[in-house]
Protein backbone atom coordinates (compact mmCIF):
# COMPACT_ATOMS: atom_id res chain seq x y z
CA MET A 1 23.29 5.76 15.74
CA ASP A 2 22.86 8.52 13.04
CA GLN A 3 21.62 5.92 10.57
CA TRP A 4 18.62 4.70 13.01
CA TYR A 5 17.92 8.15 13.55
CA ALA A 6 17.81 9.06 10.18
CA ASN A 7 16.06 6.31 9.47
CA GLU A 8 13.40 7.75 12.02
CA GLN A 9 12.89 11.02 10.44
CA ARG A 10 11.87 9.74 7.54
CA THR A 11 8.72 8.03 9.34
CA THR A 12 5.32 8.54 8.09
CA PHE A 13 1.61 7.92 8.64
CA GLU A 14 1.71 5.30 5.32
CA GLY A 15 4.97 3.88 6.49
CA ILE A 16 4.13 2.74 9.50
CA LYS A 17 0.67 1.44 8.42
CA LYS A 18 2.30 -0.82 5.76
CA TYR A 19 4.92 -1.78 8.42
CA GLN A 20 1.58 -2.88 11.00
CA GLN A 21 -0.03 -4.17 7.85
CA ALA A 22 2.91 -6.40 6.97
CA THR A 23 3.56 -7.46 10.60
CA TYR A 24 1.64 -6.76 13.33
CA TYR A 25 -2.05 -8.04 12.44
CA ALA A 26 -1.37 -11.55 10.74
CA GLY A 27 -2.80 -9.42 7.49
CA GLN A 28 -5.98 -9.19 8.66
CA TRP A 29 -6.03 -5.02 8.41
CA GLU A 30 -9.37 -3.55 9.79
CA PRO A 31 -9.93 0.49 8.81
CA ARG A 32 -9.80 0.60 13.23
CA TYR A 33 -6.36 -0.40 12.91
CA ASP A 34 -5.88 3.25 12.07
CA LYS A 35 -6.34 4.69 14.82
CA TRP A 36 -3.36 3.68 16.77
CA VAL A 37 -1.17 4.08 13.55
CA ALA A 38 -2.47 8.04 13.85
CA MET A 39 -1.55 7.87 17.59
CA GLN A 40 2.13 6.37 16.93
CA ALA A 41 3.14 8.92 13.22
CA GLY A 42 1.35 11.61 16.16
CA MET A 43 4.44 11.26 17.79
CA TYR A 44 6.80 11.98 15.09
CA THR A 45 4.83 15.30 13.91
CA GLY A 46 3.79 16.42 17.80
CA ASN A 47 5.87 18.32 20.36
CA GLY A 48 8.94 16.11 20.96
CA LYS A 49 9.11 14.80 18.10
CA GLN A 50 13.23 14.64 18.05
CA ALA A 51 13.11 13.07 21.06
CA VAL A 52 10.46 10.90 20.08
CA MET A 53 12.76 9.75 16.55
CA TRP A 54 15.91 9.35 19.16
CA ASN A 55 14.20 7.68 21.31
CA GLN A 56 13.59 5.33 19.07
CA ALA A 57 17.15 4.93 17.32
CA LEU A 58 18.44 4.72 20.36
CA THR A 59 16.05 1.19 21.16
CA SER A 60 16.56 0.22 17.66
CA ASP A 61 20.05 0.66 18.37
CA MET A 62 20.12 -1.41 21.60
CA ILE A 63 18.30 -4.30 20.50
CA LEU A 64 20.84 -4.86 17.93
CA SER A 65 24.13 -4.43 19.76
CA GLN A 66 23.09 -4.99 23.34
CA PRO A 67 20.83 -8.29 23.17
CA VAL A 68 19.62 -9.41 26.60
CA VAL A 69 18.58 -13.29 25.02
CA HIS A 70 21.21 -14.54 27.57
CA GLU A 71 20.23 -12.97 30.75
CA ILE A 72 16.23 -14.17 30.44
CA GLU A 73 16.89 -17.19 32.46
CA LYS A 74 17.73 -14.33 35.26
CA ILE A 75 14.35 -13.51 35.59
CA ARG A 76 13.38 -14.49 39.24
CA VAL A 77 9.54 -12.84 39.26
CA PRO A 78 6.42 -14.28 38.22
CA THR A 79 6.17 -13.86 34.42
CA LEU A 80 3.54 -13.66 31.86
CA LEU A 81 3.64 -13.99 28.24
CA LEU A 82 0.48 -12.97 25.71
CA ILE A 83 2.24 -13.67 22.45
CA GLY A 84 0.59 -13.85 18.95
CA GLU A 85 1.81 -16.52 16.94
CA GLN A 86 1.55 -14.62 13.52
CA ASP A 87 3.47 -11.54 15.16
CA ASN A 88 6.48 -11.61 12.71
CA THR A 89 8.10 -8.65 14.08
CA ALA A 90 11.96 -7.90 14.22
CA ILE A 91 13.89 -4.71 14.06
CA GLY A 92 16.40 -5.00 11.43
CA LYS A 93 14.60 -7.58 9.61
CA ALA A 94 14.36 -5.27 5.95
CA ALA A 95 17.87 -5.09 6.54
CA ALA A 96 18.43 -9.11 6.18
CA PRO A 97 18.98 -10.63 3.16
CA ALA A 98 15.46 -12.51 2.30
CA GLU A 99 16.32 -15.68 3.01
CA VAL A 100 16.71 -14.59 6.19
CA GLN A 101 13.92 -12.40 6.86
CA LYS A 102 11.72 -16.09 6.67
CA THR A 103 13.97 -17.42 9.42
CA LEU A 104 13.23 -14.12 11.98
CA GLY A 105 10.02 -12.77 14.20
CA ASN A 106 8.99 -16.85 14.51
CA TYR A 107 6.60 -15.85 17.74
CA LYS A 108 5.09 -19.43 17.62
CA VAL A 109 8.70 -20.86 18.45
CA LEU A 110 10.29 -17.53 20.07
CA GLY A 111 7.37 -17.31 22.66
CA ALA A 112 7.15 -21.13 23.68
CA GLU A 113 11.28 -21.02 23.98
CA THR A 114 11.45 -18.02 26.30
CA ALA A 115 8.79 -19.37 28.37
CA ARG A 116 10.98 -22.80 28.79
CA THR A 117 13.74 -20.31 29.57
CA ILE A 118 12.11 -17.84 32.33
CA PRO A 119 11.42 -20.27 35.73
CA GLY A 120 8.03 -20.52 36.26
CA ALA A 121 7.08 -18.40 33.17
CA LYS A 122 3.23 -19.08 31.51
CA LEU A 123 2.64 -18.82 28.30
CA VAL A 124 -0.50 -17.55 26.60
CA ALA A 125 -0.51 -17.83 22.94
CA PHE A 126 -3.05 -16.54 20.78
CA GLU A 127 -2.63 -18.48 17.64
CA ASP A 128 -4.28 -16.81 15.27
CA LEU A 129 -3.21 -12.82 16.34
CA GLY A 130 -0.38 -11.09 15.25
CA HIS A 131 2.00 -8.73 16.89
CA SER A 132 -0.78 -6.71 19.21
CA PRO A 133 -3.10 -8.92 20.48
CA GLN A 134 -4.62 -6.63 22.76
CA ILE A 135 -5.82 -4.59 19.52
CA GLN A 136 -6.82 -7.59 17.58
CA ALA A 137 -9.04 -8.96 20.04
CA PRO A 138 -9.47 -7.07 23.62
CA ASP A 139 -11.66 -8.91 25.13
CA ARG A 140 -9.85 -12.04 24.55
CA PHE A 141 -6.12 -10.33 25.21
CA ASN A 142 -8.10 -8.48 28.88
CA LYS A 143 -9.77 -12.00 29.91
CA GLU A 144 -6.36 -13.84 29.29
CA LEU A 145 -4.60 -11.45 30.94
CA LEU A 146 -6.71 -10.48 34.19
CA ASP A 147 -6.97 -14.56 34.57
CA GLY A 148 -3.19 -14.75 34.44
CA LEU A 149 -2.41 -12.19 36.83
CA GLN A 150 -4.64 -13.61 39.36
CA ALA A 151 -3.29 -16.89 39.31
CA MET A 152 -0.10 -15.44 39.96
CA LYS A 153 -1.42 -13.85 42.66
């Protein structure tokens, strides 16, 4: 935990932007995304920043030490998955060997596998979008979200 927390203490606007450019938007950075970087970076500098850093460290530790992938099949509620297939986010990816890094965060595969694992799940895959389809293409995302929720009624 100490190492995760130390990593969070080094978080900067520039570091967040570099990470998001590499993972969130499928290599299609637009200046309008800077406000989302500023929002996230602001949490690391404002009141309660220690809580933000600690909670993010706990989240990273939990993802790596307590995987729940084997429990996904137990989900028994209507499930709508909206996934940008160009996303390549993977916690801890930077610490993995280069060859392993290439295999992590393949959401084109992971999204389909997850949808098959959850009984009755519906997958909406945005082939051209990354980690944040709601930011990259809000009109498309919102339409799919509302249509998907309506179909689940």
